[in-house]
Amino acid sequence: MKINVQILFLLLLISCNPKKEFISNKIDTLIDKKSAIPFNGVILINKGEENVYCKSLGYSNFEAKTEFNSESQFVIGSISKQFTAVLVLQEFDKGNLELDVPIKKYLPELTQQWANKVTVRHLLTHMHGIIGLNEETKFEPGTQYEYSQIGFDLLAKIVEKTSKKSFADISFDLFQKCKMFNTFHPDLKKHKNLVFGYTLNDNEKLEIERRTFENYVAAGGFISTANDLLQWNKLLYNGKLLSDKTFKLFVTKQNGAIRNHPLFGKTDYGLGITVDTKDDIIQYGQTGFTPGFVSVNFYYPKTKTSLIVLQNVVENSNDLNKSFGYITKIHTLLRKEIK
C-alpha cells in the first residue's frame, strides 16, 4: 500500500512539535553546562494539559546524595503571598471584610496611629509604609510603594479574626480543598519530604541553611511542590478560587503599586501578585527567595502556560541576579517562545 508522502510529512511535523523540542533543548543546554554552581532543583513548564518540560537535577540532600522526586517539598518564599492574598480575598467574597476600611476595624488591639489609616488594600499592594509595629510609617499610607513582608503578616492576623480560625488551619483547609496535599504552613509540622536548603559560603562551600523560616510565613514561608503549584495555577486562573469580580480585582494593576524589581525592573502589582504586560505578553505570578531557596511561579493566561522553578541552592544571598541566574534565563527563553 502506498502512503501519501505529504500526509506522512504532516504527521511527522505534528508528532515532533518543534516548539516543544526547541525550548527543551535550550533549557537542557542551559542546565547541563559545566558550572561552578550547577542547577539544583526542579523545573516544570506546563501548557494546557501537557507538561512541555519537566526535569529535576541535583540533590535534595547533598550529604546523603538523595535525589528529588515528585513529592519533594521546597520552601517557596514570596510565592506564599499568592496564598495569603487569595485567603484574604475569599474572606472579601464572603462579605467578612472590606478592602478600603482601616485595619483597626479587624485588629482593634492595634494602638498605633497608622492602624486608623492603613487599609487591607494598602497591605495587599505594599503601599502602607509600615516598617515596624511600634514605629511611624515611612510615608503616608496609599501614597507610595515599598515592598514589605510585615504587611502580609498583618493580613494573616486579619484573616484569623474574620474566619475565627488560625492562619495555619485556614490555609490547610484551602490546600485540602485544592487537592494540594503536599503544601503546608510549616507550623503544622505535616510536611514529610522537605528538601534541605543550602547557601554557598565565603569559602565557596555549600552549607545547610538554618535561617529559612525566619520570615513571616504569610509573606514567604509556605512549603510546596512543583506539582501542587501547577494545581494551584489551574484552579486560580480558571475561576475556581475567587468570584469573577474579585479575580478581576486581583489581577488588575493598582494605582501607584509599582516596584523597581531587582530582577525585572519596573513591575506592576495587583492585589498580592505581580501583573506584567511587557511585550504584549500577560504574565501573572511571583518570584520567591528565602535563605536556602529561590523559586518562581509565573502564569501566562493567553497560552495557559505555567513556569515553575524550585531550587534549594542559593549562590549569593547578597546578589539576587546570581542566585536567580538560572530562573531568569529560563524565564527569558519561555517568553521568547510565547512571543
Protein backbone atom coordinates (compact mmCIF):
# COMPACT_ATOMS: atom_id res chain seq x y z
CA MET A 1 0.00 0.00 0.00
CA LYS A 2 1.38 3.41 -0.99
CA ILE A 3 1.49 6.19 1.62
CA ASN A 4 0.89 9.78 0.60
CA VAL A 5 4.24 11.47 1.26
CA GLN A 6 2.64 14.84 2.01
CA ILE A 7 0.35 13.32 4.66
CA LEU A 8 3.25 11.42 6.24
CA PHE A 9 5.33 14.60 6.40
CA LEU A 10 2.43 16.46 8.04
CA LEU A 11 2.03 13.70 10.65
CA LEU A 12 5.74 13.88 11.44
CA LEU A 13 5.51 17.64 11.94
CA ILE A 14 2.61 17.22 14.34
CA SER A 15 4.32 14.49 16.37
CA CYS A 16 7.62 16.34 16.60
CA ASN A 17 6.17 19.60 17.98
CA PRO A 18 9.25 21.70 17.09
CA LYS A 19 8.42 24.45 19.59
CA LYS A 20 8.41 21.92 22.41
CA GLU A 21 11.72 20.48 21.24
CA PHE A 22 13.19 23.96 20.86
CA ILE A 23 12.60 25.03 24.44
CA SER A 24 13.51 21.61 25.83
CA ASN A 25 16.83 21.63 24.01
CA LYS A 26 17.56 25.20 25.06
CA ILE A 27 16.86 24.53 28.72
CA ASP A 28 18.81 21.26 28.63
CA THR A 29 21.79 23.13 27.21
CA LEU A 30 21.49 25.76 29.94
CA ILE A 31 21.25 23.44 32.94
CA ASP A 32 23.62 20.76 31.65
CA LYS A 33 26.50 23.20 31.24
CA LYS A 34 29.56 22.60 33.36
CA SER A 35 29.35 25.28 36.01
CA ALA A 36 30.88 26.08 39.37
CA ILE A 37 27.31 26.20 40.71
CA PRO A 38 25.25 23.71 38.67
CA PHE A 39 21.47 23.85 38.58
CA ASN A 40 19.98 22.07 41.58
CA GLY A 41 16.22 21.73 41.73
CA VAL A 42 13.05 21.16 39.72
CA ILE A 43 11.75 22.76 36.52
CA LEU A 44 8.16 22.33 35.37
CA ILE A 45 6.65 24.05 32.31
CA ASN A 46 3.06 23.15 31.55
CA LYS A 47 0.87 24.30 28.68
CA GLY A 48 -2.80 23.43 28.95
CA GLU A 49 -2.88 19.75 29.86
CA GLU A 50 0.66 18.97 28.67
CA ASN A 51 3.93 19.16 30.54
CA VAL A 52 6.16 20.81 27.95
CA TYR A 53 9.23 20.41 30.14
CA CYS A 54 9.68 18.55 33.40
CA LYS A 55 13.08 17.77 34.88
CA SER A 56 14.96 17.67 38.17
CA LEU A 57 18.72 17.79 38.63
CA GLY A 58 20.91 17.53 41.70
CA TYR A 59 20.13 16.59 45.26
CA SER A 60 17.53 17.26 47.92
CA ASN A 61 20.21 16.27 50.44
CA PHE A 62 23.82 16.64 49.35
CA GLU A 63 25.25 14.75 52.31
CA ALA A 64 23.11 11.65 51.65
CA LYS A 65 23.11 12.16 47.85
CA THR A 66 19.31 11.94 47.85
CA GLU A 67 17.72 12.81 44.52
CA PHE A 68 14.46 14.67 44.06
CA ASN A 69 11.10 13.00 43.46
CA SER A 70 7.60 14.21 42.54
CA GLU A 71 6.81 14.89 46.20
CA SER A 72 9.98 16.85 47.04
CA GLN A 73 8.89 19.88 49.05
CA PHE A 74 10.55 23.30 48.88
CA VAL A 75 10.12 26.50 50.86
CA ILE A 76 8.64 28.80 48.21
CA GLY A 77 9.46 32.28 49.56
CA SER A 78 7.26 35.11 48.28
CA ILE A 79 5.17 32.80 46.11
CA SER A 80 3.47 32.35 49.51
CA LYS A 81 1.97 35.83 49.13
CA GLN A 82 -0.44 34.48 46.49
CA PHE A 83 -1.87 32.05 49.03
CA THR A 84 -2.30 34.77 51.62
CA ALA A 85 -3.86 37.17 49.11
CA VAL A 86 -6.39 34.56 47.97
CA LEU A 87 -7.33 33.76 51.58
CA VAL A 88 -7.92 37.47 52.18
CA LEU A 89 -9.96 37.86 49.01
CA GLN A 90 -12.03 34.78 49.81
CA GLU A 91 -12.97 36.49 53.06
CA PHE A 92 -13.85 39.56 50.97
CA ASP A 93 -16.03 37.39 48.72
CA LYS A 94 -17.84 36.08 51.80
CA GLY A 95 -18.52 39.63 52.98
CA ASN A 96 -16.33 39.18 56.05
CA LEU A 97 -14.01 42.10 55.30
CA GLU A 98 -13.72 45.23 53.19
CA LEU A 99 -10.68 46.31 51.22
CA ASP A 100 -10.81 50.03 51.85
CA VAL A 101 -11.53 50.49 55.54
CA PRO A 102 -8.81 50.99 58.18
CA ILE A 103 -7.42 47.72 59.55
CA LYS A 104 -8.22 48.93 63.07
CA LYS A 105 -11.70 47.52 62.37
CA TYR A 106 -10.27 44.00 62.23
CA LEU A 107 -7.34 44.39 64.62
CA PRO A 108 -8.73 46.62 67.39
CA GLU A 109 -5.80 45.70 69.62
CA LEU A 110 -3.51 47.84 67.46
CA THR A 111 -2.95 51.14 69.25
CA GLN A 112 -0.67 52.65 66.62
CA GLN A 113 -1.94 55.75 64.82
CA TRP A 114 -1.40 54.17 61.40
CA ALA A 115 -3.99 51.46 62.17
CA ASN A 116 -6.61 54.15 61.55
CA LYS A 117 -5.23 54.90 58.08
CA VAL A 118 -3.81 51.69 56.62
CA THR A 119 -6.36 49.54 54.73
CA VAL A 120 -6.39 45.90 53.59
CA ARG A 121 -5.79 47.12 50.03
CA HIS A 122 -2.71 49.04 51.20
CA LEU A 123 -1.34 45.84 52.75
CA LEU A 124 -2.02 43.77 49.62
CA THR A 125 -0.36 46.34 47.36
CA HIS A 126 2.68 47.15 49.58
CA MET A 127 1.52 50.77 49.86
CA HIS A 128 1.13 51.02 53.64
CA GLY A 129 4.55 52.32 54.68
CA ILE A 130 4.74 50.19 57.86
CA ILE A 131 8.34 49.40 58.76
CA GLY A 132 7.78 48.19 62.31
CA LEU A 133 4.80 47.65 64.58
CA ASN A 134 5.93 50.31 67.03
CA GLU A 135 7.30 52.77 64.50
CA GLU A 136 5.68 55.51 62.46
CA THR A 137 5.00 54.72 58.83
CA LYS A 138 7.71 55.61 56.35
CA PHE A 139 5.19 57.56 54.24
CA GLU A 140 1.52 58.43 54.23
CA PRO A 141 -0.38 55.17 53.54
CA GLY A 142 -1.53 54.88 49.95
CA THR A 143 0.89 57.46 48.54
CA GLN A 144 3.95 55.29 47.78
CA TYR A 145 5.06 51.72 47.16
CA GLU A 146 7.63 49.84 49.21
CA TYR A 147 7.93 46.05 49.10
CA SER A 148 7.05 44.65 52.52
CA GLN A 149 6.90 41.41 54.47
CA ILE A 150 5.24 42.68 57.65
CA GLY A 151 2.15 43.76 55.72
CA PHE A 152 1.35 40.14 54.85
CA ASP A 153 1.78 39.08 58.46
CA LEU A 154 -0.89 41.64 59.34
CA LEU A 155 -3.10 40.22 56.58
CA ALA A 156 -2.74 36.78 58.16
CA LYS A 157 -3.83 38.19 61.51
CA ILE A 158 -6.85 39.85 59.88
CA VAL A 159 -7.88 36.56 58.23
CA GLU A 160 -7.61 34.84 61.61
CA LYS A 161 -10.03 37.37 63.08
CA THR A 162 -12.57 37.27 60.25
CA SER A 163 -12.51 33.46 59.82
CA LYS A 164 -12.18 32.67 63.54
CA LYS A 165 -9.50 30.11 62.70
CA SER A 166 -5.73 30.08 62.96
CA PHE A 167 -3.91 31.10 59.79
CA ALA A 168 -2.25 27.66 59.70
CA ASP A 169 -5.63 25.93 59.82
CA ILE A 170 -7.42 28.13 57.28
CA SER A 171 -4.54 27.72 54.82
CA PHE A 172 -4.57 23.94 55.40
CA ASP A 173 -8.29 23.87 54.61
CA LEU A 174 -7.66 25.76 51.38
CA PHE A 175 -4.90 23.39 50.26
CA GLN A 176 -7.01 20.33 51.04
CA LYS A 177 -9.88 21.79 49.02
CA CYS A 178 -7.46 22.39 46.15
CA LYS A 179 -6.08 18.82 46.44
CA MET A 180 -2.65 20.26 47.12
CA PHE A 181 -1.74 17.51 49.52
CA ASN A 182 1.97 18.37 49.74
CA THR A 183 1.53 22.07 50.58
CA PHE A 184 1.64 23.22 54.20
CA HIS A 185 2.07 26.02 56.69
CA PRO A 186 5.33 24.97 58.43
CA ASP A 187 3.86 25.30 61.93
CA LEU A 188 1.58 22.33 61.28
CA LYS A 189 4.63 20.03 61.02
CA LYS A 190 2.79 17.88 58.47
CA HIS A 191 5.43 18.03 55.74
CA LYS A 192 7.40 14.82 55.26
CA ASN A 193 9.55 15.47 52.18
CA LEU A 194 11.08 18.89 52.78
CA VAL A 195 14.41 19.17 50.98
CA PHE A 196 17.45 20.76 52.61
CA GLY A 197 18.18 24.37 51.70
CA TYR A 198 21.79 25.38 51.04
CA THR A 199 23.75 28.60 50.73
CA LEU A 200 27.22 28.98 49.26
CA ASN A 201 29.51 30.35 51.99
CA ASP A 202 32.51 32.67 51.64
CA ASN A 203 34.76 29.65 51.07
CA GLU A 204 32.53 28.55 48.18
CA LYS A 205 31.25 25.55 50.10
CA LEU A 206 27.58 24.65 50.43
CA GLU A 207 26.24 24.98 53.95
CA ILE A 208 22.86 23.79 55.19
CA GLU A 209 20.76 26.90 55.74
CA ARG A 210 19.39 27.37 59.27
CA ARG A 211 17.59 30.71 58.73
CA THR A 212 14.99 29.55 56.21
CA PHE A 213 11.94 30.13 58.41
CA GLU A 214 12.93 33.50 59.86
CA ASN A 215 10.45 35.30 57.57
CA TYR A 216 6.72 35.65 58.22
CA VAL A 217 5.00 32.53 56.85
CA ALA A 218 2.24 34.55 55.17
CA ALA A 219 4.90 36.50 53.27
CA GLY A 220 7.41 33.79 52.43
CA GLY A 221 7.35 30.61 54.49
CA PHE A 222 4.92 28.14 52.93
CA ILE A 223 6.11 24.70 51.82
CA SER A 224 5.01 23.24 48.46
CA THR A 225 5.92 21.16 45.41
CA ALA A 226 6.07 21.87 41.69
CA ASN A 227 3.00 19.72 41.01
CA ASP A 228 0.98 21.41 43.74
CA LEU A 229 1.86 24.86 42.39
CA LEU A 230 0.70 23.72 38.95
CA GLN A 231 -2.57 22.57 40.50
CA TRP A 232 -2.87 25.99 42.19
CA ASN A 233 -2.43 27.79 38.88
CA LYS A 234 -5.06 25.67 37.15
CA LEU A 235 -7.63 26.37 39.85
CA LEU A 236 -6.82 30.03 40.45
CA TYR A 237 -6.69 31.11 36.81
CA ASN A 238 -9.74 29.10 35.82
CA GLY A 239 -12.04 30.86 38.26
CA LYS A 240 -12.25 28.15 40.91
CA LEU A 241 -10.96 30.11 43.93
CA LEU A 242 -12.37 33.64 43.61
CA SER A 243 -15.53 35.17 42.20
CA ASP A 244 -15.15 36.62 38.71
CA LYS A 245 -15.39 40.17 40.03
CA THR A 246 -12.80 39.60 42.75
CA PHE A 247 -10.43 37.75 40.44
CA LYS A 248 -10.52 40.74 38.10
CA LEU A 249 -9.51 42.97 41.03
CA PHE A 250 -6.76 40.51 41.95
CA VAL A 251 -5.07 40.77 38.53
CA THR A 252 -5.75 44.47 37.87
CA LYS A 253 -2.77 46.83 38.17
CA GLN A 254 -3.30 49.04 41.20
CA ASN A 255 -2.58 52.76 41.01
CA GLY A 256 0.87 53.52 42.38
CA ALA A 257 1.72 49.87 43.13
CA ILE A 258 4.87 49.80 41.03
CA ARG A 259 8.10 48.17 42.15
CA ASN A 260 11.62 48.56 40.83
CA HIS A 261 12.14 44.81 40.85
CA PRO A 262 15.77 43.71 41.40
CA LEU A 263 15.47 41.17 38.55
CA PHE A 264 12.85 42.50 36.14
CA GLY A 265 12.86 46.27 36.57
CA LYS A 266 9.55 48.16 36.59
CA THR A 267 6.92 45.74 37.86
CA ASP A 268 3.21 46.41 38.47
CA TYR A 269 1.22 44.79 41.25
CA GLY A 270 -2.37 43.71 41.54
CA LEU A 271 -3.77 42.66 44.91
CA GLY A 272 -0.90 40.50 46.12
CA ILE A 273 0.50 39.40 42.75
CA THR A 274 2.69 40.89 40.01
CA VAL A 275 0.97 41.81 36.75
CA ASP A 276 3.35 42.14 33.79
CA THR A 277 2.17 43.20 30.33
CA LYS A 278 5.54 44.00 28.74
CA ASP A 279 5.94 42.99 25.06
CA ASP A 280 2.16 42.39 24.90
CA ILE A 281 2.59 39.23 27.00
CA ILE A 282 0.36 38.97 30.07
CA GLN A 283 2.23 37.36 32.95
CA TYR A 284 0.96 36.83 36.49
CA GLY A 285 2.92 35.48 39.43
CA GLN A 286 5.81 35.89 41.78
CA THR A 287 9.42 35.03 42.40
CA GLY A 288 10.42 33.67 45.80
CA PHE A 289 13.53 33.95 47.93
CA THR A 290 14.23 32.76 51.45
CA PRO A 291 17.60 31.66 52.84
CA GLY A 292 18.48 28.38 51.11
CA PHE A 293 15.75 28.56 48.43
CA VAL A 294 14.93 30.50 45.24
CA SER A 295 11.80 29.94 43.16
CA VAL A 296 9.37 31.28 40.58
CA ASN A 297 5.75 30.65 39.66
CA PHE A 298 4.54 32.56 36.60
CA TYR A 299 1.37 32.01 34.60
CA TYR A 300 0.63 33.16 31.04
CA PRO A 301 -3.16 33.15 30.52
CA LYS A 302 -3.18 33.55 26.74
CA THR A 303 -1.42 30.21 26.24
CA LYS A 304 -2.41 28.69 29.62
CA THR A 305 1.26 28.17 30.38
CA SER A 306 2.83 27.76 33.83
CA LEU A 307 6.52 28.27 34.58
CA ILE A 308 7.55 26.77 37.91
CA VAL A 309 11.16 26.51 39.08
CA LEU A 310 12.17 25.45 42.59
CA GLN A 311 15.82 25.47 43.69
CA ASN A 312 17.37 24.61 47.04
CA VAL A 313 20.77 26.22 46.48
CA VAL A 314 21.42 29.96 46.84
CA GLU A 315 24.64 31.09 45.20
CA ASN A 316 24.85 34.53 46.77
CA SER A 317 22.32 35.90 49.28
CA ASN A 318 23.54 39.44 48.59
CA ASP A 319 23.32 39.19 44.80
CA LEU A 320 19.88 38.15 43.57
CA ASN A 321 20.98 38.28 39.93
CA LYS A 322 23.43 35.48 40.64
CA SER A 323 21.07 33.48 42.83
CA PHE A 324 18.26 33.74 40.24
CA GLY A 325 20.59 33.25 37.27
CA TYR A 326 19.04 30.01 36.01
CA ILE A 327 15.49 31.21 36.67
CA THR A 328 15.90 34.47 34.74
CA LYS A 329 17.46 32.64 31.77
CA ILE A 330 14.67 30.04 31.66
CA HIS A 331 12.12 32.84 32.02
CA THR A 332 13.65 34.67 29.04
CA LEU A 333 13.62 31.51 26.89
CA LEU A 334 9.96 30.86 27.63
CA ARG A 335 8.86 34.43 26.97
CA LYS A 336 10.66 34.35 23.60
CA GLU A 337 8.72 31.23 22.64
CA ILE A 338 5.40 32.68 23.83
CA LYS A 339 6.02 35.88 21.87
